[in-house]
Amino acid sequence: MTNYWRIERDIDIVQGKTWQANFRYLTKSCNKKTNVPFDLTGYGATMVIRECANDSAALLTLTSGNGITLGGTAGTIEITITATQAAELTAGDNVYEIELYQGYTYIAFATGKAKVYQEIVR
């Protein structure tokens, strides 16, 4: 059985500016002494930003191939919110979650606050 840990990390986004983040999904080796990349081959990913966790409407949804790139055996997760997408986000304290999935396996990979700041320099 594989243990999955969720990352809790807050992010800062500026309206109208491109935002990028790179994550790496690592698990412990069988001897528990080293971290090894989790093989994301065949997995998909979704990132959702909402004003509140229980809101039905999302402010932004990214998916594999549409803002999210998974790095297969390297275990990398690259996320890009374009300047246009960031301009449409509601300024203030929002929440986000990144979920990985394959078949019926879902992993809540990362979650936290998504603080969106108003753009000052235009």
PDB file of N, CA and C in Angstrom:
ATOM      1  N   MET A   1       0.844  -1.177   0.000  1.00  0.00           N
ATOM      2  CA  MET A   1       0.000   0.000   0.000  1.00  0.00           C
ATOM      3  C   MET A   1       0.890   1.243   0.000  1.00  0.00           C
ATOM      4  N   THR A   2       0.523   2.197  -0.813  1.00  0.00           N
ATOM      5  CA  THR A   2       1.268   3.452  -0.885  1.00  0.00           C
ATOM      6  C   THR A   2       0.608   4.477   0.023  1.00  0.00           C
ATOM      7  N   ASN A   3       1.400   5.201   0.788  1.00  0.00           N
ATOM      8  CA  ASN A   3       0.879   6.291   1.610  1.00  0.00           C
ATOM      9  C   ASN A   3       0.939   7.573   0.808  1.00  0.00           C
ATOM     10  N   TYR A   4      -0.137   8.351   0.858  1.00  0.00           N
ATOM     11  CA  TYR A   4      -0.192   9.617   0.157  1.00  0.00           C
ATOM     12  C   TYR A   4      -0.292  10.738   1.180  1.00  0.00           C
ATOM     13  N   TRP A   5       0.561  11.750   1.053  1.00  0.00           N
ATOM     14  CA  TRP A   5       0.511  12.909   1.919  1.00  0.00           C
ATOM     15  C   TRP A   5       0.123  14.108   1.091  1.00  0.00           C
ATOM     16  N   ARG A   6      -0.733  14.919   1.645  1.00  0.00           N
ATOM     17  CA  ARG A   6      -1.170  16.119   0.953  1.00  0.00           C
ATOM     18  C   ARG A   6      -0.296  17.290   1.384  1.00  0.00           C
ATOM     19  N   ILE A   7       0.139  18.061   0.400  1.00  0.00           N
ATOM     20  CA  ILE A   7       0.905  19.274   0.667  1.00  0.00           C
ATOM     21  C   ILE A   7      -0.084  20.382   1.007  1.00  0.00           C
ATOM     22  N   GLU A   8       0.188  21.107   2.074  1.00  0.00           N
ATOM     23  CA  GLU A   8      -0.599  22.285   2.395  1.00  0.00           C
ATOM     24  C   GLU A   8       0.316  23.488   2.228  1.00  0.00           C
ATOM     25  N   ARG A   9       0.054  24.258   1.163  1.00  0.00           N
ATOM     26  CA  ARG A   9       0.916  25.395   0.829  1.00  0.00           C
ATOM     27  C   ARG A   9       0.061  26.508   0.251  1.00  0.00           C
ATOM     28  N   ASP A  10       0.196  27.697   0.787  1.00  0.00           N
ATOM     29  CA  ASP A  10      -0.533  28.842   0.267  1.00  0.00           C
ATOM     30  C   ASP A  10       0.202  29.402  -0.948  1.00  0.00           C
ATOM     31  N   ILE A  11      -0.568  29.954  -1.881  1.00  0.00           N
ATOM     32  CA  ILE A  11       0.014  30.527  -3.092  1.00  0.00           C
ATOM     33  C   ILE A  11      -0.461  31.971  -3.246  1.00  0.00           C
ATOM     34  N   ASP A  12       0.354  32.791  -3.916  1.00  0.00           N
ATOM     35  CA  ASP A  12       0.037  34.184  -4.191  1.00  0.00           C
ATOM     36  C   ASP A  12      -0.007  34.389  -5.698  1.00  0.00           C
ATOM     37  N   ILE A  13      -1.100  34.976  -6.160  1.00  0.00           N
ATOM     38  CA  ILE A  13      -1.306  35.237  -7.579  1.00  0.00           C
ATOM     39  C   ILE A  13      -1.630  36.723  -7.732  1.00  0.00           C
ATOM     40  N   VAL A  14      -1.092  37.359  -8.768  1.00  0.00           N
ATOM     41  CA  VAL A  14      -1.400  38.758  -9.056  1.00  0.00           C
ATOM     42  C   VAL A  14      -2.288  38.798 -10.294  1.00  0.00           C
ATOM     43  N   GLN A  15      -3.423  39.492 -10.188  1.00  0.00           N
ATOM     44  CA  GLN A  15      -4.323  39.609 -11.337  1.00  0.00           C
ATOM     45  C   GLN A  15      -3.551  40.150 -12.538  1.00  0.00           C
ATOM     46  N   GLY A  16      -3.766  39.531 -13.686  1.00  0.00           N
ATOM     47  CA  GLY A  16      -3.144  40.008 -14.918  1.00  0.00           C
ATOM     48  C   GLY A  16      -1.695  39.599 -15.117  1.00  0.00           C
ATOM     49  N   LYS A  17      -1.134  38.803 -14.208  1.00  0.00           N
ATOM     50  CA  LYS A  17       0.256  38.340 -14.327  1.00  0.00           C
ATOM     51  C   LYS A  17       0.283  36.819 -14.408  1.00  0.00           C
ATOM     52  N   THR A  18       1.171  36.284 -15.232  1.00  0.00           N
ATOM     53  CA  THR A  18       1.328  34.838 -15.341  1.00  0.00           C
ATOM     54  C   THR A  18       1.862  34.283 -14.030  1.00  0.00           C
ATOM     55  N   TRP A  19       1.287  33.173 -13.576  1.00  0.00           N
ATOM     56  CA  TRP A  19       1.723  32.488 -12.353  1.00  0.00           C
ATOM     57  C   TRP A  19       2.131  31.071 -12.731  1.00  0.00           C
ATOM     58  N   GLN A  20       3.309  30.663 -12.252  1.00  0.00           N
ATOM     59  CA  GLN A  20       3.796  29.311 -12.527  1.00  0.00           C
ATOM     60  C   GLN A  20       4.309  28.671 -11.248  1.00  0.00           C
ATOM     61  N   ALA A  21       4.132  27.355 -11.161  1.00  0.00           N
ATOM     62  CA  ALA A  21       4.668  26.606 -10.023  1.00  0.00           C
ATOM     63  C   ALA A  21       5.088  25.232 -10.513  1.00  0.00           C
ATOM     64  N   ASN A  22       6.145  24.716  -9.908  1.00  0.00           N
ATOM     65  CA  ASN A  22       6.615  23.365 -10.199  1.00  0.00           C
ATOM     66  C   ASN A  22       6.629  22.574  -8.897  1.00  0.00           C
ATOM     67  N   PHE A  23       5.991  21.428  -8.925  1.00  0.00           N
ATOM     68  CA  PHE A  23       5.972  20.525  -7.797  1.00  0.00           C
ATOM     69  C   PHE A  23       6.669  19.237  -8.209  1.00  0.00           C
ATOM     70  N   ARG A  24       7.108  18.474  -7.234  1.00  0.00           N
ATOM     71  CA  ARG A  24       7.671  17.156  -7.511  1.00  0.00           C
ATOM     72  C   ARG A  24       7.090  16.196  -6.489  1.00  0.00           C
ATOM     73  N   TYR A  25       6.452  15.148  -6.962  1.00  0.00           N
ATOM     74  CA  TYR A  25       5.821  14.173  -6.086  1.00  0.00           C
ATOM     75  C   TYR A  25       6.840  13.086  -5.763  1.00  0.00           C
ATOM     76  N   LEU A  26       7.244  13.024  -4.493  1.00  0.00           N
ATOM     77  CA  LEU A  26       8.238  12.054  -4.057  1.00  0.00           C
ATOM     78  C   LEU A  26       7.639  11.120  -3.013  1.00  0.00           C
ATOM     79  N   THR A  27       8.082   9.864  -3.017  1.00  0.00           N
ATOM     80  CA  THR A  27       7.702   8.897  -1.990  1.00  0.00           C
ATOM     81  C   THR A  27       8.977   8.308  -1.408  1.00  0.00           C
ATOM     82  N   LYS A  28       8.859   7.653  -0.285  1.00  0.00           N
ATOM     83  CA  LYS A  28      10.024   7.025   0.345  1.00  0.00           C
ATOM     84  C   LYS A  28      10.366   5.723  -0.374  1.00  0.00           C
ATOM     85  N   SER A  29      11.666   5.448  -0.501  1.00  0.00           N
ATOM     86  CA  SER A  29      12.117   4.173  -1.056  1.00  0.00           C
ATOM     87  C   SER A  29      11.800   3.064  -0.060  1.00  0.00           C
ATOM     88  N   CYS A  30      11.941   1.828  -0.478  1.00  0.00           N
ATOM     89  CA  CYS A  30      11.593   0.703   0.388  1.00  0.00           C
ATOM     90  C   CYS A  30      12.433   0.678   1.658  1.00  0.00           C
ATOM     91  N   ASN A  31      13.635   1.224   1.631  1.00  0.00           N
ATOM     92  CA  ASN A  31      14.459   1.254   2.841  1.00  0.00           C
ATOM     93  C   ASN A  31      14.213   2.524   3.671  1.00  0.00           C
ATOM     94  N   LYS A  32      13.281   3.365   3.196  1.00  0.00           N
ATOM     95  CA  LYS A  32      12.858   4.581   3.901  1.00  0.00           C
ATOM     96  C   LYS A  32      13.959   5.619   4.099  1.00  0.00           C
ATOM     97  N   LYS A  33      15.069   5.484   3.400  1.00  0.00           N
ATOM     98  CA  LYS A  33      16.185   6.410   3.589  1.00  0.00           C
ATOM     99  C   LYS A  33      16.261   7.483   2.500  1.00  0.00           C
ATOM    100  N   THR A  34      15.640   7.242   1.374  1.00  0.00           N
ATOM    101  CA  THR A  34      15.708   8.210   0.288  1.00  0.00           C
ATOM    102  C   THR A  34      14.324   8.446  -0.297  1.00  0.00           C
ATOM    103  N   ASN A  35      14.157   9.611  -0.891  1.00  0.00           N
ATOM    104  CA  ASN A  35      12.922   9.925  -1.596  1.00  0.00           C
ATOM    105  C   ASN A  35      13.086   9.567  -3.066  1.00  0.00           C
ATOM    106  N   VAL A  36      12.052   8.978  -3.643  1.00  0.00           N
ATOM    107  CA  VAL A  36      12.079   8.622  -5.054  1.00  0.00           C
ATOM    108  C   VAL A  36      10.874   9.258  -5.743  1.00  0.00           C
ATOM    109  N   PRO A  37      11.026   9.666  -7.020  1.00  0.00           N
ATOM    110  CA  PRO A  37       9.901  10.256  -7.735  1.00  0.00           C
ATOM    111  C   PRO A  37       8.755   9.256  -7.873  1.00  0.00           C
ATOM    112  N   PHE A  38       7.542   9.745  -7.684  1.00  0.00           N
ATOM    113  CA  PHE A  38       6.333   8.956  -7.908  1.00  0.00           C
ATOM    114  C   PHE A  38       6.064   8.945  -9.402  1.00  0.00           C
ATOM    115  N   ASP A  39       5.860   7.785  -9.983  1.00  0.00           N
ATOM    116  CA  ASP A  39       5.634   7.665 -11.429  1.00  0.00           C
ATOM    117  C   ASP A  39       4.216   8.137 -11.768  1.00  0.00           C
ATOM    118  N   LEU A  40       4.117   9.265 -12.441  1.00  0.00           N
ATOM    119  CA  LEU A  40       2.823   9.841 -12.814  1.00  0.00           C
ATOM    120  C   LEU A  40       2.376   9.434 -14.215  1.00  0.00           C
ATOM    121  N   THR A  41       3.065   8.469 -14.825  1.00  0.00           N
ATOM    122  CA  THR A  41       2.674   7.987 -16.144  1.00  0.00           C
ATOM    123  C   THR A  41       1.245   7.465 -16.082  1.00  0.00           C
ATOM    124  N   GLY A  42       0.402   7.927 -16.963  1.00  0.00           N
ATOM    125  CA  GLY A  42      -0.993   7.491 -17.005  1.00  0.00           C
ATOM    126  C   GLY A  42      -1.921   8.259 -16.081  1.00  0.00           C
ATOM    127  N   TYR A  43      -1.365   9.202 -15.307  1.00  0.00           N
ATOM    128  CA  TYR A  43      -2.183  10.012 -14.409  1.00  0.00           C
ATOM    129  C   TYR A  43      -2.656  11.277 -15.110  1.00  0.00           C
ATOM    130  N   GLY A  44      -3.740  11.827 -14.619  1.00  0.00           N
ATOM    131  CA  GLY A  44      -4.229  13.132 -15.016  1.00  0.00           C
ATOM    132  C   GLY A  44      -4.200  14.028 -13.790  1.00  0.00           C
ATOM    133  N   ALA A  45      -4.443  15.321 -13.994  1.00  0.00           N
ATOM    134  CA  ALA A  45      -4.442  16.253 -12.872  1.00  0.00           C
ATOM    135  C   ALA A  45      -5.458  17.357 -13.116  1.00  0.00           C
ATOM    136  N   THR A  46      -5.983  17.868 -12.020  1.00  0.00           N
ATOM    137  CA  THR A  46      -6.911  18.997 -12.051  1.00  0.00           C
ATOM    138  C   THR A  46      -6.534  19.960 -10.937  1.00  0.00           C
ATOM    139  N   MET A  47      -6.578  21.257 -11.234  1.00  0.00           N
ATOM    140  CA  MET A  47      -6.429  22.289 -10.207  1.00  0.00           C
ATOM    141  C   MET A  47      -7.676  23.154 -10.262  1.00  0.00           C
ATOM    142  N   VAL A  48      -8.282  23.360  -9.099  1.00  0.00           N
ATOM    143  CA  VAL A  48      -9.487  24.182  -9.012  1.00  0.00           C
ATOM    144  C   VAL A  48      -9.250  25.283  -7.983  1.00  0.00           C
ATOM    145  N   ILE A  49      -9.642  26.515  -8.349  1.00  0.00           N
ATOM    146  CA  ILE A  49      -9.620  27.641  -7.422  1.00  0.00           C
ATOM    147  C   ILE A  49     -11.066  28.078  -7.225  1.00  0.00           C
ATOM    148  N   ARG A  50     -11.466  28.223  -5.955  1.00  0.00           N
ATOM    149  CA  ARG A  50     -12.809  28.686  -5.600  1.00  0.00           C
ATOM    150  C   ARG A  50     -12.692  29.807  -4.566  1.00  0.00           C
ATOM    151  N   GLU A  51     -13.729  30.642  -4.471  1.00  0.00           N
ATOM    152  CA  GLU A  51     -13.735  31.665  -3.428  1.00  0.00           C
ATOM    153  C   GLU A  51     -13.809  31.020  -2.052  1.00  0.00           C
ATOM    154  N   CYS A  52     -14.626  30.001  -1.903  1.00  0.00           N
ATOM    155  CA  CYS A  52     -14.775  29.241  -0.657  1.00  0.00           C
ATOM    156  C   CYS A  52     -14.808  27.761  -1.017  1.00  0.00           C
ATOM    157  N   ALA A  53     -14.345  26.927  -0.103  1.00  0.00           N
ATOM    158  CA  ALA A  53     -14.276  25.487  -0.366  1.00  0.00           C
ATOM    159  C   ALA A  53     -15.633  24.891  -0.734  1.00  0.00           C
ATOM    160  N   ASN A  54     -16.722  25.405  -0.161  1.00  0.00           N
ATOM    161  CA  ASN A  54     -18.035  24.819  -0.429  1.00  0.00           C
ATOM    162  C   ASN A  54     -18.790  25.487  -1.577  1.00  0.00           C
ATOM    163  N   ASP A  55     -18.165  26.441  -2.278  1.00  0.00           N
ATOM    164  CA  ASP A  55     -18.803  27.052  -3.451  1.00  0.00           C
ATOM    165  C   ASP A  55     -18.972  26.021  -4.556  1.00  0.00           C
ATOM    166  N   SER A  56     -20.097  26.082  -5.249  1.00  0.00           N
ATOM    167  CA  SER A  56     -20.300  25.151  -6.361  1.00  0.00           C
ATOM    168  C   SER A  56     -19.572  25.612  -7.623  1.00  0.00           C
ATOM    169  N   ALA A  57     -19.437  26.910  -7.800  1.00  0.00           N
ATOM    170  CA  ALA A  57     -18.779  27.445  -8.998  1.00  0.00           C
ATOM    171  C   ALA A  57     -17.286  27.647  -8.749  1.00  0.00           C
ATOM    172  N   ALA A  58     -16.489  27.243  -9.714  1.00  0.00           N
ATOM    173  CA  ALA A  58     -15.043  27.448  -9.649  1.00  0.00           C
ATOM    174  C   ALA A  58     -14.684  28.766 -10.317  1.00  0.00           C
ATOM    175  N   LEU A  59     -13.699  29.463  -9.747  1.00  0.00           N
ATOM    176  CA  LEU A  59     -13.168  30.657 -10.396  1.00  0.00           C
ATOM    177  C   LEU A  59     -12.278  30.268 -11.567  1.00  0.00           C
ATOM    178  N   LEU A  60     -11.553  29.151 -11.419  1.00  0.00           N
ATOM    179  CA  LEU A  60     -10.646  28.672 -12.458  1.00  0.00           C
ATOM    180  C   LEU A  60     -10.454  27.172 -12.300  1.00  0.00           C
ATOM    181  N   THR A  61     -10.453  26.467 -13.418  1.00  0.00           N
ATOM    182  CA  THR A  61     -10.154  25.044 -13.436  1.00  0.00           C
ATOM    183  C   THR A  61      -9.093  24.792 -14.496  1.00  0.00           C
ATOM    184  N   LEU A  62      -7.975  24.181 -14.093  1.00  0.00           N
ATOM    185  CA  LEU A  62      -6.922  23.762 -15.015  1.00  0.00           C
ATOM    186  C   LEU A  62      -6.895  22.241 -15.028  1.00  0.00           C
ATOM    187  N   THR A  63      -6.497  21.668 -16.162  1.00  0.00           N
ATOM    188  CA  THR A  63      -6.413  20.216 -16.290  1.00  0.00           C
ATOM    189  C   THR A  63      -5.126  19.834 -17.013  1.00  0.00           C
ATOM    190  N   SER A  64      -4.835  18.557 -17.019  1.00  0.00           N
ATOM    191  CA  SER A  64      -3.678  18.057 -17.773  1.00  0.00           C
ATOM    192  C   SER A  64      -3.812  18.498 -19.220  1.00  0.00           C
ATOM    193  N   GLY A  65      -2.763  19.098 -19.753  1.00  0.00           N
ATOM    194  CA  GLY A  65      -2.784  19.582 -21.136  1.00  0.00           C
ATOM    195  C   GLY A  65      -3.401  20.958 -21.275  1.00  0.00           C
ATOM    196  N   ASN A  66      -4.042  21.454 -20.232  1.00  0.00           N
ATOM    197  CA  ASN A  66      -4.646  22.785 -20.250  1.00  0.00           C
ATOM    198  C   ASN A  66      -4.208  23.538 -18.993  1.00  0.00           C
ATOM    199  N   GLY A  67      -2.905  23.820 -18.905  1.00  0.00           N
ATOM    200  CA  GLY A  67      -2.352  24.529 -17.772  1.00  0.00           C
ATOM    201  C   GLY A  67      -1.542  23.648 -16.838  1.00  0.00           C
ATOM    202  N   ILE A  68      -1.705  22.312 -16.954  1.00  0.00           N
ATOM    203  CA  ILE A  68      -0.954  21.383 -16.110  1.00  0.00           C
ATOM    204  C   ILE A  68      -0.211  20.397 -16.996  1.00  0.00           C
ATOM    205  N   THR A  69       1.082  20.220 -16.719  1.00  0.00           N
ATOM    206  CA  THR A  69       1.907  19.240 -17.420  1.00  0.00           C
ATOM    207  C   THR A  69       2.508  18.292 -16.385  1.00  0.00           C
ATOM    208  N   LEU A  70       2.279  17.000 -16.574  1.00  0.00           N
ATOM    209  CA  LEU A  70       2.831  15.986 -15.674  1.00  0.00           C
ATOM    210  C   LEU A  70       4.082  15.392 -16.291  1.00  0.00           C
ATOM    211  N   GLY A  71       5.097  15.147 -15.453  1.00  0.00           N
ATOM    212  CA  GLY A  71       6.401  14.695 -15.927  1.00  0.00           C
ATOM    213  C   GLY A  71       6.645  13.206 -15.834  1.00  0.00           C
ATOM    214  N   GLY A  72       5.616  12.370 -15.891  1.00  0.00           N
ATOM    215  CA  GLY A  72       5.801  10.919 -15.937  1.00  0.00           C
ATOM    216  C   GLY A  72       6.655  10.376 -14.815  1.00  0.00           C
ATOM    217  N   THR A  73       7.730   9.660 -15.170  1.00  0.00           N
ATOM    218  CA  THR A  73       8.570   8.996 -14.172  1.00  0.00           C
ATOM    219  C   THR A  73       9.355   9.978 -13.306  1.00  0.00           C
ATOM    220  N   ALA A  74       9.495  11.227 -13.741  1.00  0.00           N
ATOM    221  CA  ALA A  74      10.207  12.232 -12.943  1.00  0.00           C
ATOM    222  C   ALA A  74       9.352  12.739 -11.780  1.00  0.00           C
ATOM    223  N   GLY A  75       8.028  12.492 -11.833  1.00  0.00           N
ATOM    224  CA  GLY A  75       7.138  12.908 -10.764  1.00  0.00           C
ATOM    225  C   GLY A  75       6.878  14.402 -10.706  1.00  0.00           C
ATOM    226  N   THR A  76       7.120  15.121 -11.799  1.00  0.00           N
ATOM    227  CA  THR A  76       6.954  16.574 -11.789  1.00  0.00           C
ATOM    228  C   THR A  76       5.538  16.987 -12.184  1.00  0.00           C
ATOM    229  N   ILE A  77       5.108  18.089 -11.592  1.00  0.00           N
ATOM    230  CA  ILE A  77       3.805  18.679 -11.884  1.00  0.00           C
ATOM    231  C   ILE A  77       4.058  20.155 -12.130  1.00  0.00           C
ATOM    232  N   GLU A  78       3.872  20.594 -13.375  1.00  0.00           N
ATOM    233  CA  GLU A  78       4.086  21.992 -13.737  1.00  0.00           C
ATOM    234  C   GLU A  78       2.739  22.645 -13.977  1.00  0.00           C
ATOM    235  N   ILE A  79       2.515  23.779 -13.316  1.00  0.00           N
ATOM    236  CA  ILE A  79       1.228  24.466 -13.425  1.00  0.00           C
ATOM    237  C   ILE A  79       1.459  25.893 -13.886  1.00  0.00           C
ATOM    238  N   THR A  80       0.645  26.332 -14.859  1.00  0.00           N
ATOM    239  CA  THR A  80       0.728  27.689 -15.368  1.00  0.00           C
ATOM    240  C   THR A  80      -0.671  28.291 -15.437  1.00  0.00           C
ATOM    241  N   ILE A  81      -0.834  29.422 -14.776  1.00  0.00           N
ATOM    242  CA  ILE A  81      -2.043  30.238 -14.920  1.00  0.00           C
ATOM    243  C   ILE A  81      -1.635  31.411 -15.787  1.00  0.00           C
ATOM    244  N   THR A  82      -2.279  31.566 -16.925  1.00  0.00           N
ATOM    245  CA  THR A  82      -1.910  32.639 -17.847  1.00  0.00           C
ATOM    246  C   THR A  82      -2.326  33.996 -17.269  1.00  0.00           C
ATOM    247  N   ALA A  83      -1.742  35.043 -17.814  1.00  0.00           N
ATOM    248  CA  ALA A  83      -2.078  36.399 -17.388  1.00  0.00           C
ATOM    249  C   ALA A  83      -3.569  36.671 -17.597  1.00  0.00           C
ATOM    250  N   THR A  84      -4.116  36.186 -18.701  1.00  0.00           N
ATOM    251  CA  THR A  84      -5.541  36.365 -18.991  1.00  0.00           C
ATOM    252  C   THR A  84      -6.401  35.648 -17.954  1.00  0.00           C
ATOM    253  N   GLN A  85      -6.032  34.416 -17.605  1.00  0.00           N
ATOM    254  CA  GLN A  85      -6.778  33.671 -16.589  1.00  0.00           C
ATOM    255  C   GLN A  85      -6.665  34.355 -15.227  1.00  0.00           C
ATOM    256  N   ALA A  86      -5.465  34.835 -14.876  1.00  0.00           N
ATOM    257  CA  ALA A  86      -5.260  35.503 -13.591  1.00  0.00           C
ATOM    258  C   ALA A  86      -6.060  36.800 -13.495  1.00  0.00           C
ATOM    259  N   ALA A  87      -6.242  37.480 -14.616  1.00  0.00           N
ATOM    260  CA  ALA A  87      -7.006  38.726 -14.623  1.00  0.00           C
ATOM    261  C   ALA A  87      -8.469  38.491 -14.265  1.00  0.00           C
ATOM    262  N   GLU A  88      -8.967  37.300 -14.521  1.00  0.00           N
ATOM    263  CA  GLU A  88     -10.368  36.968 -14.262  1.00  0.00           C
ATOM    264  C   GLU A  88     -10.630  36.492 -12.836  1.00  0.00           C
ATOM    265  N   LEU A  89      -9.574  36.264 -12.053  1.00  0.00           N
ATOM    266  CA  LEU A  89      -9.744  35.774 -10.687  1.00  0.00           C
ATOM    267  C   LEU A  89     -10.211  36.892  -9.755  1.00  0.00           C
ATOM    268  N   THR A  90     -11.004  36.518  -8.763  1.00  0.00           N
ATOM    269  CA  THR A  90     -11.487  37.455  -7.762  1.00  0.00           C
ATOM    270  C   THR A  90     -10.368  37.771  -6.772  1.00  0.00           C
ATOM    271  N   ALA A  91     -10.081  39.073  -6.599  1.00  0.00           N
ATOM    272  CA  ALA A  91      -9.053  39.464  -5.638  1.00  0.00           C
ATOM    273  C   ALA A  91      -9.510  39.112  -4.232  1.00  0.00           C
ATOM    274  N   GLY A  92      -8.541  38.710  -3.408  1.00  0.00           N
ATOM    275  CA  GLY A  92      -8.847  38.356  -2.026  1.00  0.00           C
ATOM    276  C   GLY A  92      -8.401  36.952  -1.708  1.00  0.00           C
ATOM    277  N   ASP A  93      -8.895  36.448  -0.588  1.00  0.00           N
ATOM    278  CA  ASP A  93      -8.545  35.105  -0.132  1.00  0.00           C
ATOM    279  C   ASP A  93      -9.462  34.079  -0.773  1.00  0.00           C
ATOM    280  N   ASN A  94      -8.886  33.205  -1.557  1.00  0.00           N
ATOM    281  CA  ASN A  94      -9.590  32.107  -2.195  1.00  0.00           C
ATOM    282  C   ASN A  94      -8.938  30.807  -1.722  1.00  0.00           C
ATOM    283  N   VAL A  95      -9.418  29.673  -2.208  1.00  0.00           N
ATOM    284  CA  VAL A  95      -8.829  28.376  -1.874  1.00  0.00           C
ATOM    285  C   VAL A  95      -8.571  27.606  -3.163  1.00  0.00           C
ATOM    286  N   TYR A  96      -7.620  26.659  -3.098  1.00  0.00           N
ATOM    287  CA  TYR A  96      -7.331  25.834  -4.268  1.00  0.00           C
ATOM    288  C   TYR A  96      -7.072  24.397  -3.831  1.00  0.00           C
ATOM    289  N   GLU A  97      -7.161  23.498  -4.790  1.00  0.00           N
ATOM    290  CA  GLU A  97      -6.766  22.108  -4.578  1.00  0.00           C
ATOM    291  C   GLU A  97      -6.240  21.548  -5.895  1.00  0.00           C
ATOM    292  N   ILE A  98      -5.185  20.754  -5.795  1.00  0.00           N
ATOM    293  CA  ILE A  98      -4.651  20.023  -6.949  1.00  0.00           C
ATOM    294  C   ILE A  98      -4.904  18.550  -6.684  1.00  0.00           C
ATOM    295  N   GLU A  99      -5.547  17.909  -7.628  1.00  0.00           N
ATOM    296  CA  GLU A  99      -5.866  16.490  -7.490  1.00  0.00           C
ATOM    297  C   GLU A  99      -5.252  15.701  -8.639  1.00  0.00           C
ATOM    298  N   LEU A 100      -4.644  14.570  -8.314  1.00  0.00           N
ATOM    299  CA  LEU A 100      -4.112  13.643  -9.305  1.00  0.00           C
ATOM    300  C   LEU A 100      -5.069  12.465  -9.398  1.00  0.00           C
ATOM    301  N   TYR A 101      -5.216  11.907 -10.580  1.00  0.00           N
ATOM    302  CA  TYR A 101      -6.142  10.778 -10.719  1.00  0.00           C
ATOM    303  C   TYR A 101      -5.676   9.801 -11.798  1.00  0.00           C
ATOM    304  N   GLN A 102      -6.019   8.560 -11.581  1.00  0.00           N
ATOM    305  CA  GLN A 102      -5.789   7.494 -12.559  1.00  0.00           C
ATOM    306  C   GLN A 102      -6.860   6.442 -12.291  1.00  0.00           C
ATOM    307  N   GLY A 103      -7.738   6.232 -13.275  1.00  0.00           N
ATOM    308  CA  GLY A 103      -8.838   5.295 -13.072  1.00  0.00           C
ATOM    309  C   GLY A 103      -9.682   5.739 -11.886  1.00  0.00           C
ATOM    310  N   TYR A 104      -9.826   4.862 -10.897  1.00  0.00           N
ATOM    311  CA  TYR A 104     -10.610   5.176  -9.705  1.00  0.00           C
ATOM    312  C   TYR A 104      -9.738   5.644  -8.532  1.00  0.00           C
ATOM    313  N   THR A 105      -8.476   5.907  -8.782  1.00  0.00           N
ATOM    314  CA  THR A 105      -7.572   6.389  -7.743  1.00  0.00           C
ATOM    315  C   THR A 105      -7.477   7.905  -7.822  1.00  0.00           C
ATOM    316  N   TYR A 106      -7.835   8.565  -6.732  1.00  0.00           N
ATOM    317  CA  TYR A 106      -7.751  10.027  -6.643  1.00  0.00           C
ATOM    318  C   TYR A 106      -6.838  10.399  -5.486  1.00  0.00           C
ATOM    319  N   ILE A 107      -5.919  11.318  -5.733  1.00  0.00           N
ATOM    320  CA  ILE A 107      -4.982  11.769  -4.716  1.00  0.00           C
ATOM    321  C   ILE A 107      -5.114  13.285  -4.589  1.00  0.00           C
ATOM    322  N   ALA A 108      -5.534  13.756  -3.420  1.00  0.00           N
ATOM    323  CA  ALA A 108      -5.562  15.194  -3.143  1.00  0.00           C
ATOM    324  C   ALA A 108      -4.119  15.602  -2.883  1.00  0.00           C
ATOM    325  N   PHE A 109      -3.444  16.078  -3.910  1.00  0.00           N
ATOM    326  CA  PHE A 109      -2.002  16.322  -3.840  1.00  0.00           C
ATOM    327  C   PHE A 109      -1.650  17.580  -3.046  1.00  0.00           C
ATOM    328  N   ALA A 110      -2.321  18.680  -3.331  1.00  0.00           N
ATOM    329  CA  ALA A 110      -1.985  19.940  -2.667  1.00  0.00           C
ATOM    330  C   ALA A 110      -3.238  20.765  -2.460  1.00  0.00           C
ATOM    331  N   THR A 111      -3.234  21.522  -1.381  1.00  0.00           N
ATOM    332  CA  THR A 111      -4.359  22.394  -1.070  1.00  0.00           C
ATOM    333  C   THR A 111      -3.859  23.586  -0.267  1.00  0.00           C
ATOM    334  N   GLY A 112      -4.637  24.644  -0.241  1.00  0.00           N
ATOM    335  CA  GLY A 112      -4.254  25.809   0.544  1.00  0.00           C
ATOM    336  C   GLY A 112      -5.033  27.039   0.130  1.00  0.00           C
ATOM    337  N   LYS A 113      -4.590  28.175   0.616  1.00  0.00           N
ATOM    338  CA  LYS A 113      -5.195  29.444   0.237  1.00  0.00           C
ATOM    339  C   LYS A 113      -4.572  29.912  -1.072  1.00  0.00           C
ATOM    340  N   ALA A 114      -5.391  30.512  -1.898  1.00  0.00           N
ATOM    341  CA  ALA A 114      -4.918  31.140  -3.132  1.00  0.00           C
ATOM    342  C   ALA A 114      -5.221  32.628  -2.998  1.00  0.00           C
ATOM    343  N   LYS A 115      -4.237  33.361  -2.493  1.00  0.00           N
ATOM    344  CA  LYS A 115      -4.400  34.804  -2.298  1.00  0.00           C
ATOM    345  C   LYS A 115      -4.207  35.485  -3.646  1.00  0.00           C
ATOM    346  N   VAL A 116      -5.219  36.236  -4.076  1.00  0.00           N
ATOM    347  CA  VAL A 116      -5.145  36.949  -5.349  1.00  0.00           C
ATOM    348  C   VAL A 116      -5.072  38.444  -5.050  1.00  0.00           C
ATOM    349  N   TYR A 117      -3.999  39.061  -5.540  1.00  0.00           N
ATOM    350  CA  TYR A 117      -3.776  40.488  -5.348  1.00  0.00           C
ATOM    351  C   TYR A 117      -4.191  41.255  -6.598  1.00  0.00           C
ATOM    352  N   GLN A 118      -4.727  42.459  -6.395  1.00  0.00           N
ATOM    353  CA  GLN A 118      -5.058  43.306  -7.532  1.00  0.00           C
ATOM    354  C   GLN A 118      -3.772  43.744  -8.219  1.00  0.00           C
ATOM    355  N   GLU A 119      -3.828  43.824  -9.523  1.00  0.00           N
ATOM    356  CA  GLU A 119      -2.675  44.287 -10.285  1.00  0.00           C
ATOM    357  C   GLU A 119      -2.529  45.801 -10.096  1.00  0.00           C
ATOM    358  N   ILE A 120      -1.344  46.244  -9.775  1.00  0.00           N
ATOM    359  CA  ILE A 120      -1.095  47.671  -9.570  1.00  0.00           C
ATOM    360  C   ILE A 120      -0.468  48.272 -10.844  1.00  0.00           C
ATOM    361  N   VAL A 121       0.586  47.637 -11.350  1.00  0.00           N
ATOM    362  CA  VAL A 121       1.248  48.100 -12.565  1.00  0.00           C
ATOM    363  C   VAL A 121       0.569  47.453 -13.754  1.00  0.00           C
ATOM    364  N   ARG A 122       0.037  48.269 -14.648  1.00  0.00           N
ATOM    365  CA  ARG A 122      -0.674  47.724 -15.815  1.00  0.00           C
ATOM    366  C   ARG A 122       0.053  48.115 -17.075  1.00  0.00           C
TER     367      ARG A 122
END
